């Protein structure tokens, strides 16, 4: 996972484990968010996939599933944050 310095600082400030970003990029749903970037987030289907993948660790991961990441066209993570509102699809 390639992250910008900004994304790494935000990840640390917001206490988002690197594992969750890896899982988000692997299983998360995505949608265009402007300027050629994609927004990754856990929807209902991707939450189920992560829980099945995690097995015994699923309960520990559940509290970290409300997050999103913005990824540039060159696959670098620009920023990560906790998701408070619904992701509105256009």
C-alpha atoms as a PDB file:
ATOM      1  CA  UNK A   1       0.000   0.000   0.000  1.00  0.00           C
ATOM      2  CA  UNK A   2       1.464   3.303  -1.096  1.00  0.00           C
ATOM      3  CA  UNK A   3       0.369   6.284   1.022  1.00  0.00           C
ATOM      4  CA  UNK A   4       1.090   9.975   0.762  1.00  0.00           C
ATOM      5  CA  UNK A   5       2.639  11.706   3.767  1.00  0.00           C
ATOM      6  CA  UNK A   6      -0.706  13.432   4.350  1.00  0.00           C
ATOM      7  CA  UNK A   7      -2.547  10.090   4.436  1.00  0.00           C
ATOM      8  CA  UNK A   8      -0.050   8.612   6.852  1.00  0.00           C
ATOM      9  CA  UNK A   9      -0.353  11.579   9.234  1.00  0.00           C
ATOM     10  CA  UNK A  10      -4.166  11.459   9.068  1.00  0.00           C
ATOM     11  CA  UNK A  11      -4.145   7.694   9.657  1.00  0.00           C
ATOM     12  CA  UNK A  12      -2.084   8.167  12.800  1.00  0.00           C
ATOM     13  CA  UNK A  13      -4.124  11.128  14.048  1.00  0.00           C
ATOM     14  CA  UNK A  14      -7.372   9.237  13.531  1.00  0.00           C
ATOM     15  CA  UNK A  15      -6.081   5.953  15.009  1.00  0.00           C
ATOM     16  CA  UNK A  16      -6.838   3.918  11.897  1.00  0.00           C
ATOM     17  CA  UNK A  17      -4.825   0.683  11.806  1.00  0.00           C
ATOM     18  CA  UNK A  18      -2.889   0.017   8.573  1.00  0.00           C
ATOM     19  CA  UNK A  19      -4.548  -3.417   8.409  1.00  0.00           C
ATOM     20  CA  UNK A  20      -7.941  -1.747   7.983  1.00  0.00           C
ATOM     21  CA  UNK A  21      -6.705   0.275   5.017  1.00  0.00           C
ATOM     22  CA  UNK A  22      -5.364  -2.906   3.412  1.00  0.00           C
ATOM     23  CA  UNK A  23      -8.715  -4.640   3.960  1.00  0.00           C
ATOM     24  CA  UNK A  24     -10.565  -1.592   2.659  1.00  0.00           C
ATOM     25  CA  UNK A  25      -8.570  -1.557  -0.574  1.00  0.00           C
ATOM     26  CA  UNK A  26      -8.952  -5.316  -0.983  1.00  0.00           C
ATOM     27  CA  UNK A  27     -12.663  -5.757  -0.157  1.00  0.00           C
ATOM     28  CA  UNK A  28     -14.208  -2.270  -0.130  1.00  0.00           C
ATOM     29  CA  UNK A  29     -16.661  -0.811  -2.613  1.00  0.00           C
ATOM     30  CA  UNK A  30     -15.508   2.182  -4.607  1.00  0.00           C
ATOM     31  CA  UNK A  31     -16.981   5.116  -6.465  1.00  0.00           C
ATOM     32  CA  UNK A  32     -15.519   8.105  -8.294  1.00  0.00           C
ATOM     33  CA  UNK A  33     -14.982  11.095  -6.035  1.00  0.00           C
ATOM     34  CA  UNK A  34     -13.766  13.664  -8.537  1.00  0.00           C
ATOM     35  CA  UNK A  35     -10.483  14.622 -10.209  1.00  0.00           C
ATOM     36  CA  UNK A  36      -9.771  10.999 -11.136  1.00  0.00           C
ATOM     37  CA  UNK A  37      -9.813   9.781  -7.540  1.00  0.00           C
ATOM     38  CA  UNK A  38     -11.815   6.906  -6.073  1.00  0.00           C
ATOM     39  CA  UNK A  39     -13.437   6.734  -2.653  1.00  0.00           C
ATOM     40  CA  UNK A  40     -13.275   3.284  -1.035  1.00  0.00           C
ATOM     41  CA  UNK A  41     -15.661   2.341   1.774  1.00  0.00           C
ATOM     42  CA  UNK A  42     -17.215  -0.733   3.348  1.00  0.00           C
ATOM     43  CA  UNK A  43     -20.750  -1.335   2.133  1.00  0.00           C
ATOM     44  CA  UNK A  44     -22.980  -4.164   3.329  1.00  0.00           C
ATOM     45  CA  UNK A  45     -21.529  -6.703   0.921  1.00  0.00           C
ATOM     46  CA  UNK A  46     -17.893  -5.818   1.611  1.00  0.00           C
ATOM     47  CA  UNK A  47     -18.521  -5.911   5.377  1.00  0.00           C
ATOM     48  CA  UNK A  48     -19.743  -9.486   5.011  1.00  0.00           C
ATOM     49  CA  UNK A  49     -16.680 -10.408   2.961  1.00  0.00           C
ATOM     50  CA  UNK A  50     -14.307  -8.927   5.561  1.00  0.00           C
ATOM     51  CA  UNK A  51     -16.099 -10.720   8.402  1.00  0.00           C
ATOM     52  CA  UNK A  52     -15.889 -14.045   6.548  1.00  0.00           C
ATOM     53  CA  UNK A  53     -12.213 -13.434   5.730  1.00  0.00           C
ATOM     54  CA  UNK A  54     -11.318 -12.436   9.309  1.00  0.00           C
ATOM     55  CA  UNK A  55     -12.858 -15.498  10.948  1.00  0.00           C
ATOM     56  CA  UNK A  56     -12.127 -15.440  14.685  1.00  0.00           C
ATOM     57  CA  UNK A  57     -10.834 -11.850  14.492  1.00  0.00           C
ATOM     58  CA  UNK A  58     -14.083 -10.493  13.029  1.00  0.00           C
ATOM     59  CA  UNK A  59     -15.354  -9.057  16.319  1.00  0.00           C
ATOM     60  CA  UNK A  60     -12.106  -7.110  16.818  1.00  0.00           C
ATOM     61  CA  UNK A  61     -12.340  -5.595  13.331  1.00  0.00           C
ATOM     62  CA  UNK A  62     -16.011  -4.651  13.483  1.00  0.00           C
ATOM     63  CA  UNK A  63     -15.436  -1.359  15.310  1.00  0.00           C
ATOM     64  CA  UNK A  64     -13.081  -0.170  12.543  1.00  0.00           C
ATOM     65  CA  UNK A  65     -15.360  -0.705   9.537  1.00  0.00           C
ATOM     66  CA  UNK A  66     -16.825   2.802   9.386  1.00  0.00           C
ATOM     67  CA  UNK A  67     -14.044   4.456   7.434  1.00  0.00           C
ATOM     68  CA  UNK A  68     -13.173   5.542   3.939  1.00  0.00           C
ATOM     69  CA  UNK A  69     -10.082   6.218   1.873  1.00  0.00           C
ATOM     70  CA  UNK A  70      -9.532   8.456  -1.135  1.00  0.00           C
ATOM     71  CA  UNK A  71      -7.158   6.912  -3.665  1.00  0.00           C
ATOM     72  CA  UNK A  72      -5.493   8.711  -6.590  1.00  0.00           C
ATOM     73  CA  UNK A  73      -5.345   7.383 -10.140  1.00  0.00           C
ATOM     74  CA  UNK A  74      -1.771   6.199  -9.495  1.00  0.00           C
ATOM     75  CA  UNK A  75      -3.085   3.962  -6.623  1.00  0.00           C
ATOM     76  CA  UNK A  76      -1.632   6.126  -3.836  1.00  0.00           C
ATOM     77  CA  UNK A  77      -3.844   6.635  -0.799  1.00  0.00           C
ATOM     78  CA  UNK A  78      -4.439  10.382  -0.458  1.00  0.00           C
ATOM     79  CA  UNK A  79      -6.359  10.438   2.818  1.00  0.00           C
ATOM     80  CA  UNK A  80      -8.283   8.230   5.233  1.00  0.00           C
ATOM     81  CA  UNK A  81     -11.007   9.117   7.700  1.00  0.00           C
ATOM     82  CA  UNK A  82     -13.832   7.759   9.795  1.00  0.00           C
ATOM     83  CA  UNK A  83     -17.174   7.755   8.034  1.00  0.00           C
ATOM     84  CA  UNK A  84     -19.918   9.541   9.981  1.00  0.00           C
ATOM     85  CA  UNK A  85     -22.515   9.900   7.208  1.00  0.00           C
ATOM     86  CA  UNK A  86     -23.815   7.617   4.498  1.00  0.00           C
ATOM     87  CA  UNK A  87     -21.890   7.519   1.244  1.00  0.00           C
ATOM     88  CA  UNK A  88     -24.215   9.057  -1.303  1.00  0.00           C
ATOM     89  CA  UNK A  89     -23.985   7.463  -4.717  1.00  0.00           C
ATOM     90  CA  UNK A  90     -24.537   9.681  -7.746  1.00  0.00           C
END
